[in-house]
N, C-alpha and C. Protein backbone atom coordinates (compact mmCIF):
# COMPACT_ATOMS: atom_id res chain seq x y z
N MET A 1 75.56 115.39 89.26
CA MET A 1 76.51 115.84 88.27
C MET A 1 77.53 116.04 89.41
N ASN A 2 77.15 116.99 90.60
CA ASN A 2 78.33 116.99 91.30
C ASN A 2 78.84 115.95 92.13
N ARG A 3 78.23 114.71 91.85
CA ARG A 3 78.74 113.57 92.60
C ARG A 3 79.83 112.90 91.71
N SER A 4 80.23 113.49 90.45
CA SER A 4 80.89 112.97 89.65
C SER A 4 82.53 113.84 89.62
N PHE A 5 81.94 115.04 90.38
CA PHE A 5 83.23 116.07 89.94
C PHE A 5 84.45 115.23 90.89
N PRO A 6 84.30 114.87 92.03
CA PRO A 6 85.85 113.91 93.22
C PRO A 6 85.89 112.91 92.78
N ALA A 7 85.04 112.22 92.07
CA ALA A 7 85.77 111.52 90.79
C ALA A 7 86.94 111.38 89.94
N MET A 8 86.27 112.82 89.11
CA MET A 8 87.29 113.32 87.90
C MET A 8 88.52 113.70 88.88
N LYS A 9 88.57 114.76 89.81
CA LYS A 9 89.69 115.13 90.41
C LYS A 9 90.59 114.09 91.25
N ARG A 10 89.93 112.79 91.38
CA ARG A 10 90.75 111.53 91.76
C ARG A 10 91.45 111.06 90.90
N MET A 11 90.76 111.18 90.07
CA MET A 11 91.31 110.20 88.64
C MET A 11 92.30 111.21 88.12
N ARG A 12 92.25 112.35 88.14
CA ARG A 12 93.78 113.25 87.63
C ARG A 12 94.44 113.24 88.56
N SER A 13 94.49 113.10 89.96
CA SER A 13 95.48 113.02 90.58
C SER A 13 96.03 111.37 90.66
N VAL A 14 95.61 110.45 90.37
CA VAL A 14 96.24 109.39 89.95
C VAL A 14 96.93 109.30 88.78
N LEU A 15 96.54 109.65 87.87
CA LEU A 15 97.15 109.98 86.40
C LEU A 15 98.43 111.10 86.54
N LEU A 16 98.29 112.05 87.35
CA LEU A 16 99.46 112.78 87.51
C LEU A 16 100.32 111.94 88.39
N LEU A 17 100.40 111.28 89.27
CA LEU A 17 101.16 110.32 90.12
C LEU A 17 101.75 109.51 89.19
N SER A 18 100.81 108.85 88.79
CA SER A 18 101.67 107.72 87.24
C SER A 18 102.51 108.43 86.27
N LEU A 19 102.43 109.20 86.06
CA LEU A 19 103.07 110.15 85.38
C LEU A 19 104.49 110.35 85.62
N THR A 20 104.08 110.79 86.82
CA THR A 20 105.52 111.44 87.88
C THR A 20 105.97 109.98 88.14
N ALA A 21 105.70 109.23 88.47
CA ALA A 21 106.56 108.12 88.65
C ALA A 21 107.19 107.15 87.52
N LEU A 22 106.24 107.06 86.28
CA LEU A 22 106.97 106.82 84.91
C LEU A 22 108.52 107.94 84.33
N ILE A 23 107.84 108.98 84.53
CA ILE A 23 109.28 109.80 84.11
C ILE A 23 110.45 109.42 85.38
N GLY A 24 110.07 109.27 86.41
CA GLY A 24 110.95 108.88 87.46
C GLY A 24 111.72 107.37 87.10
N LEU A 25 111.00 106.65 86.62
CA LEU A 25 111.94 105.26 86.39
C LEU A 25 112.57 105.54 85.10
N ALA A 26 111.96 106.26 83.93
CA ALA A 26 112.74 106.42 82.82
C ALA A 26 114.11 107.10 83.07
N LEU A 27 114.26 108.38 83.89
CA LEU A 27 115.40 108.67 84.17
C LEU A 27 116.42 107.64 84.87
N ASN A 28 115.71 107.14 86.35
CA ASN A 28 116.92 106.08 87.04
C ASN A 28 117.48 105.47 85.60
N GLY A 29 116.41 104.82 84.88
CA GLY A 29 116.74 104.00 83.94
C GLY A 29 117.99 104.51 82.84
N CYS A 30 117.94 106.09 82.57
CA CYS A 30 119.19 106.59 81.75
C CYS A 30 120.16 106.47 82.77
N ALA A 31 119.88 106.87 83.93
CA ALA A 31 121.07 106.86 85.06
C ALA A 31 121.82 105.63 85.11
N TYR A 32 121.40 104.54 85.49
CA TYR A 32 121.80 102.99 85.54
C TYR A 32 122.41 102.85 84.07
N MET A 33 122.13 103.33 83.10
CA MET A 33 122.71 103.04 81.84
C MET A 33 123.95 103.70 81.36
N GLY A 34 124.11 104.84 82.20
CA GLY A 34 125.14 105.86 81.90
C GLY A 34 125.03 106.78 80.73
N LEU A 35 124.03 107.13 80.72
CA LEU A 35 123.30 107.86 79.69
C LEU A 35 123.51 109.19 80.20
N GLY A 36 124.65 110.24 80.07
CA GLY A 36 124.99 111.24 80.46
C GLY A 36 126.40 111.55 81.36
N SER A 37 126.87 110.19 81.23
CA SER A 37 128.36 110.15 81.81
C SER A 37 129.41 110.83 80.66
N ARG A 38 130.72 111.16 81.53
CA ARG A 38 131.22 112.09 80.46
C ARG A 38 132.38 111.16 80.30
N PRO A 39 133.35 111.23 79.38
CA PRO A 39 134.79 110.71 79.05
C PRO A 39 135.87 111.06 80.19
N LEU A 40 136.44 110.27 81.03
CA LEU A 40 137.49 110.41 81.87
C LEU A 40 138.28 111.49 81.74
N SER A 41 138.68 111.24 80.37
CA SER A 41 139.71 112.70 80.15
C SER A 41 138.96 113.87 80.50
N GLU A 42 137.70 114.06 80.06
CA GLU A 42 137.04 115.46 80.64
C GLU A 42 137.01 115.97 81.73
N LEU A 43 136.66 114.89 82.78
CA LEU A 43 136.43 115.16 83.98
C LEU A 43 137.92 115.36 84.40
N THR A 44 138.85 114.44 83.72
CA THR A 44 140.23 114.78 84.61
C THR A 44 140.70 116.04 84.29
N GLN A 45 140.54 116.87 82.88
CA GLN A 45 140.67 117.62 82.70
C GLN A 45 140.37 119.11 83.64
N LYS A 46 138.87 118.89 83.88
CA LYS A 46 138.35 119.75 84.75
C LYS A 46 138.16 119.50 85.98
N TYR A 47 138.15 118.45 86.83
CA TYR A 47 138.47 118.47 88.16
C TYR A 47 139.76 118.13 88.60
N THR A 48 141.06 118.29 88.11
CA THR A 48 142.43 117.82 88.62
C THR A 48 143.02 118.82 88.53
N ASP A 49 144.20 119.07 89.43
CA ASP A 49 144.87 120.26 89.36
C ASP A 49 146.86 119.62 90.00
N ASP A 50 147.73 120.97 90.42
CA ASP A 50 148.68 120.45 91.17
C ASP A 50 148.48 119.57 92.35
N THR A 51 147.42 119.80 92.95
CA THR A 51 147.46 119.07 94.29
C THR A 51 147.04 117.80 94.19
N SER A 52 146.52 117.31 92.50
CA SER A 52 145.80 116.21 92.43
C SER A 52 146.68 115.02 92.87
N ARG A 53 146.36 113.86 93.45
CA ARG A 53 146.84 112.53 93.26
C ARG A 53 145.79 111.18 93.13
N PHE A 54 146.51 110.43 92.55
CA PHE A 54 145.47 109.25 92.44
C PHE A 54 145.94 107.84 93.03
N VAL A 55 144.84 107.05 93.30
CA VAL A 55 145.44 105.71 93.99
C VAL A 55 144.53 104.75 93.34
N SER A 56 144.76 103.65 93.64
CA SER A 56 144.26 102.60 92.67
C SER A 56 143.78 101.39 93.91
N VAL A 57 142.80 101.37 93.72
CA VAL A 57 142.22 100.38 95.11
C VAL A 57 141.39 99.43 94.49
N GLU A 58 141.70 97.82 94.27
CA GLU A 58 141.05 96.67 93.31
C GLU A 58 141.02 97.44 91.81
N ASP A 59 139.75 97.41 91.41
CA ASP A 59 139.49 97.92 89.85
C ASP A 59 139.16 99.29 89.96
N LEU A 60 139.31 100.14 91.05
CA LEU A 60 139.19 101.72 90.95
C LEU A 60 140.22 102.95 90.98
N VAL A 61 140.15 103.55 90.16
CA VAL A 61 141.15 104.61 90.59
C VAL A 61 140.48 105.58 91.06
N ILE A 62 141.21 106.16 92.40
CA ILE A 62 140.29 106.95 93.71
C ILE A 62 141.32 108.16 93.66
N HIS A 63 140.84 109.38 93.38
CA HIS A 63 141.12 110.69 92.97
C HIS A 63 141.26 111.49 94.55
N TYR A 64 142.34 112.15 94.68
CA TYR A 64 142.22 112.93 95.85
C TYR A 64 142.96 113.98 96.04
N GLN A 65 142.96 114.97 96.63
CA GLN A 65 143.78 115.98 96.78
C GLN A 65 144.45 115.84 98.27
N ASP A 66 146.10 116.53 98.21
CA ASP A 66 146.55 116.50 99.04
C ASP A 66 147.66 118.21 99.29
N GLN A 67 146.48 119.07 100.30
CA GLN A 67 146.83 120.12 100.15
C GLN A 67 146.50 120.86 101.68
N GLY A 68 147.19 121.94 101.98
CA GLY A 68 146.77 122.74 103.25
C GLY A 68 147.20 122.36 104.28
N SER A 69 147.43 122.61 105.74
CA SER A 69 148.07 122.34 106.79
C SER A 69 146.96 121.82 107.71
N GLY A 70 147.44 121.26 108.94
CA GLY A 70 146.49 121.00 109.73
C GLY A 70 145.97 119.41 110.11
N GLU A 71 144.88 119.34 110.50
CA GLU A 71 144.30 118.09 110.75
C GLU A 71 143.91 117.57 109.37
N VAL A 72 143.97 116.48 109.11
CA VAL A 72 143.72 115.63 107.77
C VAL A 72 142.28 115.80 107.97
N VAL A 73 141.23 115.92 106.42
CA VAL A 73 140.01 115.56 106.78
C VAL A 73 139.80 115.02 105.61
N LEU A 74 139.23 113.70 105.62
CA LEU A 74 139.08 112.94 104.67
C LEU A 74 137.01 113.09 104.24
N MET A 75 136.78 113.14 103.08
CA MET A 75 135.37 113.25 102.74
C MET A 75 135.50 112.37 101.67
N LEU A 76 134.36 111.36 101.62
CA LEU A 76 133.87 110.21 100.89
C LEU A 76 132.40 110.59 100.33
N HIS A 77 132.27 110.08 99.05
CA HIS A 77 130.72 110.03 98.87
C HIS A 77 130.84 108.74 97.94
N GLY A 78 129.47 108.32 97.80
CA GLY A 78 129.10 106.90 96.71
C GLY A 78 128.01 107.19 96.17
N GLU A 79 127.84 106.19 95.64
CA GLU A 79 126.38 106.39 94.51
C GLU A 79 125.71 105.78 95.39
């Protein structure tokens, strides 16, 4: 009876790892399909102010802010 316990423990670990991977894949699929995206009008209202500027680069509209004084700091992030 003692010999089967490690096998059960290993099986439980494999099942837990499989479930975690499945949930991760499902969440990744939701993100890929845009579930959780918000309308542009809502984002514009929430994240823009008087210092907001926009520039079009190819098919993208990029939001930036021009404020303060001193050296220019450019911060970019991507997906």
